[in-house]
């Protein structure tokens, strides 16, 4: 947790304990006094849970991703990578009990504030980046990903982008996110996804060029615009009539 006295809570993986320490460059463990950071929060990748408000050392640089917070055990649903320091802020979909930070949403980029360095995304173009190295999606204003070293997707000002089935082309909707059509997942994924980076389900695009959202391979109709898929024709195709006897 972060309070107005400039103290933070940080999780020591070695001891499995949380220490409340002063937020400064060099941070030591409250159990044995060994160093946890030498240049916080710029020295390494840090992850911050917006639900329990605890910093945790990250293994994302090694290709390992946490699916749940190691402290509160809540499932990670959304991430925001700071453009200034190396903090990845994340949150769950559960009720916010002690949570006081703005939700991680593309719709309110001006409210996003990094817990590590207090930098805001105000006035910056937000990007939903689907990282092939980590197989996750996260919000960021960075132009390049620290993990896959690729350029992030085309930036967009999210609040000006609205999912509109009447748009002339789905290419105009790059950067919009929709829910994964798998009811067991339902996480936010980029509009142009052909698979869910969270649950791995394969997707196909709606055949309506004015829509183009990802839908399940077995879908009968597009859940956004209602366009029937090829599965409708296969399911309701009239059986061939036997040739007439002569």
Protein backbone atom coordinates (compact mmCIF):
# COMPACT_ATOMS: atom_id res chain seq x y z
CA UNK A 1 0.00 0.00 0.00
CA UNK A 2 1.12 3.55 -0.66
CA UNK A 3 0.32 6.33 1.82
CA UNK A 4 0.93 10.08 1.95
CA UNK A 5 4.04 9.60 4.08
CA UNK A 6 5.77 8.22 0.98
CA UNK A 7 5.99 4.68 2.27
CA UNK A 8 5.34 1.60 0.15
CA UNK A 9 4.79 -2.05 0.81
CA UNK A 10 7.07 -4.44 -1.03
CA UNK A 11 7.02 -8.23 -1.16
CA UNK A 12 10.22 -10.18 -0.53
CA UNK A 13 10.00 -13.42 -2.48
CA UNK A 14 12.87 -15.00 -0.52
CA UNK A 15 11.11 -14.72 2.83
CA UNK A 16 7.53 -14.53 1.60
CA UNK A 17 7.02 -11.42 3.72
CA UNK A 18 5.76 -7.89 3.06
CA UNK A 19 7.87 -4.99 4.30
CA UNK A 20 6.68 -1.41 4.71
CA UNK A 21 9.61 0.76 3.70
CA UNK A 22 10.34 4.30 2.64
CA UNK A 23 10.01 4.83 -1.08
CA UNK A 24 13.56 5.60 -2.17
CA UNK A 25 16.19 4.37 -4.59
CA UNK A 26 17.73 1.70 -2.34
CA UNK A 27 15.26 -0.62 -0.63
CA UNK A 28 16.10 -3.35 1.86
CA UNK A 29 14.13 -6.29 3.20
CA UNK A 30 12.56 -5.74 6.59
CA UNK A 31 13.50 -9.26 7.71
CA UNK A 32 17.25 -9.58 7.16
CA UNK A 33 18.13 -6.20 5.65
CA UNK A 34 19.34 -7.56 2.31
CA UNK A 35 18.85 -5.29 -0.70
CA UNK A 36 15.69 -5.65 -2.77
CA UNK A 37 16.41 -2.71 -5.08
CA UNK A 38 19.34 -0.44 -5.90
CA UNK A 39 17.55 2.02 -8.19
CA UNK A 40 13.83 1.61 -7.51
CA UNK A 41 11.72 1.69 -9.65
CA UNK A 42 14.12 1.95 -12.59
CA UNK A 43 16.57 -0.85 -11.82
CA UNK A 44 14.43 -3.79 -12.93
CA UNK A 45 10.90 -4.77 -13.92
CA UNK A 46 8.53 -4.33 -10.98
CA UNK A 47 4.90 -5.35 -10.77
CA UNK A 48 2.38 -3.50 -8.64
CA UNK A 49 -0.99 -4.91 -7.63
CA UNK A 50 -3.60 -2.15 -7.66
CA UNK A 51 -5.87 -4.35 -5.52
CA UNK A 52 -3.63 -5.02 -2.50
CA UNK A 53 -1.20 -2.16 -3.32
CA UNK A 54 1.99 -4.18 -2.95
CA UNK A 55 5.11 -4.08 -5.15
CA UNK A 56 6.60 -7.37 -6.30
CA UNK A 57 9.74 -8.21 -8.22
CA UNK A 58 8.89 -9.41 -11.70
CA UNK A 59 10.17 -12.25 -13.88
CA UNK A 60 8.66 -10.85 -17.07
CA UNK A 61 12.13 -10.03 -18.39
CA UNK A 62 12.79 -13.80 -18.27
CA UNK A 63 9.58 -14.59 -20.12
CA UNK A 64 7.58 -15.58 -17.03
CA UNK A 65 4.19 -14.00 -16.36
CA UNK A 66 2.15 -14.01 -13.15
CA UNK A 67 -1.46 -15.07 -13.68
CA UNK A 68 -2.37 -14.04 -10.15
CA UNK A 69 -0.98 -11.71 -7.50
CA UNK A 70 1.43 -13.48 -5.16
CA UNK A 71 0.02 -11.55 -2.20
CA UNK A 72 -3.76 -11.30 -2.54
CA UNK A 73 -4.07 -14.21 -4.99
CA UNK A 74 -6.44 -12.32 -7.23
CA UNK A 75 -6.43 -13.17 -10.93
CA UNK A 76 -4.62 -10.60 -13.09
CA UNK A 77 -7.00 -9.18 -15.70
CA UNK A 78 -5.46 -5.92 -16.93
CA UNK A 79 -1.95 -4.47 -17.05
CA UNK A 80 -0.47 -1.04 -17.65
CA UNK A 81 3.24 -0.62 -18.44
CA UNK A 82 4.65 2.74 -17.36
CA UNK A 83 6.44 4.77 -20.03
CA UNK A 84 8.84 6.36 -17.54
CA UNK A 85 9.99 3.63 -15.14
CA UNK A 86 9.89 -0.17 -15.32
CA UNK A 87 6.71 -0.78 -13.35
CA UNK A 88 3.87 -2.93 -14.64
CA UNK A 89 0.67 -2.01 -12.80
CA UNK A 90 -2.04 -4.68 -12.78
CA UNK A 91 -5.50 -5.28 -11.36
CA UNK A 92 -8.23 -7.92 -11.13
CA UNK A 93 -11.94 -7.85 -11.89
CA UNK A 94 -12.95 -8.45 -8.28
CA UNK A 95 -14.57 -5.81 -6.03
CA UNK A 96 -11.96 -3.24 -5.03
CA UNK A 97 -12.04 -3.54 -1.20
CA UNK A 98 -8.97 -1.36 -0.42
CA UNK A 99 -8.38 -0.14 -3.95
CA UNK A 100 -8.11 3.62 -4.40
CA UNK A 101 -6.34 3.85 -7.76
CA UNK A 102 -8.19 4.50 -11.06
CA UNK A 103 -9.14 1.41 -13.05
CA UNK A 104 -6.74 0.39 -15.80
CA UNK A 105 -8.86 1.28 -18.82
CA UNK A 106 -8.09 2.77 -22.19
CA UNK A 107 -11.18 4.94 -21.83
CA UNK A 108 -9.56 7.06 -19.10
CA UNK A 109 -5.85 7.34 -19.98
CA UNK A 110 -5.56 10.75 -18.33
CA UNK A 111 -6.35 9.17 -14.96
CA UNK A 112 -3.73 6.43 -15.18
CA UNK A 113 -0.88 7.01 -12.76
CA UNK A 114 2.06 4.69 -12.25
CA UNK A 115 2.45 3.51 -8.67
CA UNK A 116 6.22 3.33 -9.06
CA UNK A 117 7.19 6.82 -10.24
CA UNK A 118 3.81 8.64 -10.14
CA UNK A 119 4.03 9.48 -13.86
CA UNK A 120 0.69 9.95 -15.60
CA UNK A 121 -0.43 9.12 -19.11
CA UNK A 122 -2.15 12.47 -19.50
CA UNK A 123 -1.94 13.79 -23.04
CA UNK A 124 -0.12 10.69 -24.32
CA UNK A 125 -1.35 8.28 -26.95
CA UNK A 126 -2.33 4.95 -25.47
CA UNK A 127 -1.58 1.60 -27.08
CA UNK A 128 -2.89 -1.90 -26.49
CA UNK A 129 0.16 -4.04 -27.16
CA UNK A 130 -0.20 -7.78 -27.73
CA UNK A 131 3.25 -9.06 -26.78
CA UNK A 132 4.21 -12.26 -28.64
CA UNK A 133 7.05 -12.96 -26.21
CA UNK A 134 4.85 -13.00 -23.09
CA UNK A 135 1.54 -13.80 -24.82
CA UNK A 136 -0.25 -11.06 -22.88
CA UNK A 137 -1.90 -7.77 -23.71
CA UNK A 138 -1.13 -4.60 -21.79
CA UNK A 139 -1.74 -0.87 -22.02
CA UNK A 140 1.25 1.38 -22.56
CA UNK A 141 2.34 4.65 -24.11
CA UNK A 142 5.76 3.22 -24.99
CA UNK A 143 6.65 3.07 -28.65
CA UNK A 144 8.57 -0.21 -28.23
CA UNK A 145 7.99 -3.21 -25.99
CA UNK A 146 10.68 -4.02 -23.42
CA UNK A 147 10.01 -7.74 -23.72
CA UNK A 148 9.60 -8.56 -27.42
CA UNK A 149 11.54 -5.43 -28.55
CA UNK A 150 8.96 -4.81 -31.25
CA UNK A 151 7.17 -1.60 -32.02
CA UNK A 152 3.87 -1.44 -30.20
CA UNK A 153 0.62 -1.37 -32.14
CA UNK A 154 -0.56 1.82 -33.80
CA UNK A 155 -1.22 4.33 -31.05
CA UNK A 156 -4.68 5.68 -30.56
CA UNK A 157 -6.56 8.09 -28.35
CA UNK A 158 -8.89 5.55 -26.81
CA UNK A 159 -11.69 7.83 -25.75
CA UNK A 160 -12.20 8.87 -29.37
CA UNK A 161 -12.42 5.28 -30.60
CA UNK A 162 -15.83 3.66 -30.28
CA UNK A 163 -16.83 0.25 -31.56
CA UNK A 164 -19.16 1.16 -34.42
CA UNK A 165 -20.64 -1.58 -36.64
CA UNK A 166 -21.60 1.13 -39.16
CA UNK A 167 -17.98 2.16 -39.72
CA UNK A 168 -16.87 1.82 -43.32
CA UNK A 169 -13.94 -0.41 -42.46
CA UNK A 170 -12.74 -2.36 -39.45
CA UNK A 171 -9.24 -1.04 -40.15
CA UNK A 172 -10.46 2.27 -38.75
CA UNK A 173 -11.04 0.57 -35.43
CA UNK A 174 -7.45 -0.52 -34.73
CA UNK A 175 -6.71 -0.29 -31.03
CA UNK A 176 -10.20 -1.09 -29.78
CA UNK A 177 -10.56 -3.99 -27.39
CA UNK A 178 -13.39 -6.48 -27.07
CA UNK A 179 -14.05 -9.35 -24.71
CA UNK A 180 -12.77 -12.82 -25.52
CA UNK A 181 -15.84 -14.78 -26.75
CA UNK A 182 -14.95 -17.75 -24.53
CA UNK A 183 -17.29 -17.50 -21.52
CA UNK A 184 -14.60 -18.98 -19.28
CA UNK A 185 -12.20 -16.15 -20.12
CA UNK A 186 -13.96 -12.91 -21.16
CA UNK A 187 -10.74 -10.88 -20.91
CA UNK A 188 -10.11 -7.80 -23.01
CA UNK A 189 -8.25 -8.53 -26.24
CA UNK A 190 -7.35 -6.34 -29.24
CA UNK A 191 -9.95 -6.11 -31.98
CA UNK A 192 -7.63 -7.66 -34.56
CA UNK A 193 -6.81 -10.78 -32.52
CA UNK A 194 -6.92 -14.18 -34.20
CA UNK A 195 -6.38 -15.95 -30.88
CA UNK A 196 -6.86 -15.00 -27.26
CA UNK A 197 -3.43 -14.41 -25.67
CA UNK A 198 -4.88 -15.38 -22.28
CA UNK A 199 -6.82 -18.64 -22.81
CA UNK A 200 -5.41 -19.54 -26.24
CA UNK A 201 -8.79 -20.06 -27.94
CA UNK A 202 -8.62 -19.64 -31.72
CA UNK A 203 -10.80 -16.97 -33.24
CA UNK A 204 -12.13 -15.93 -36.62
CA UNK A 205 -13.17 -12.49 -37.81
CA UNK A 206 -16.76 -11.49 -38.44
CA UNK A 207 -17.38 -11.55 -42.19
CA UNK A 208 -19.10 -8.18 -42.04
CA UNK A 209 -16.43 -5.73 -43.25
CA UNK A 210 -18.06 -2.99 -41.18
CA UNK A 211 -17.59 -5.03 -38.02
CA UNK A 212 -14.68 -7.49 -38.17
CA UNK A 213 -14.60 -8.34 -34.44
CA UNK A 214 -13.08 -11.67 -33.32
CA UNK A 215 -15.63 -14.42 -32.68
CA UNK A 216 -15.41 -18.10 -31.78
CA UNK A 217 -14.81 -20.67 -34.49
CA UNK A 218 -18.14 -22.34 -33.68
CA UNK A 219 -20.18 -19.12 -33.46
CA UNK A 220 -23.46 -19.02 -35.35
CA UNK A 221 -23.88 -15.25 -35.27
CA UNK A 222 -21.57 -12.32 -34.53
CA UNK A 223 -22.40 -11.15 -31.01
CA UNK A 224 -21.78 -7.52 -32.00
CA UNK A 225 -23.50 -6.97 -35.34
CA UNK A 226 -25.59 -10.15 -35.63
CA UNK A 227 -24.17 -11.23 -38.99
CA UNK A 228 -24.62 -15.00 -39.56
CA UNK A 229 -21.40 -16.95 -39.93
CA UNK A 230 -20.57 -19.81 -42.25
CA UNK A 231 -21.57 -22.15 -39.41
CA UNK A 232 -25.20 -21.15 -39.94
CA UNK A 233 -25.11 -22.33 -43.51
CA UNK A 234 -23.46 -25.60 -42.47
CA UNK A 235 -25.93 -26.22 -39.64
CA UNK A 236 -29.11 -25.28 -41.46
CA UNK A 237 -28.22 -26.40 -44.95
CA UNK A 238 -31.10 -28.31 -46.46
CA UNK A 239 -30.23 -31.93 -47.15
CA UNK A 240 -29.85 -32.82 -50.77
CA UNK A 241 -32.93 -34.39 -52.23
CA UNK A 242 -32.44 -37.82 -53.74
CA UNK A 243 -32.48 -37.88 -57.52
CA UNK A 244 -35.94 -38.37 -58.96
CA UNK A 245 -36.68 -41.87 -60.13
CA UNK A 246 -37.33 -42.25 -63.79
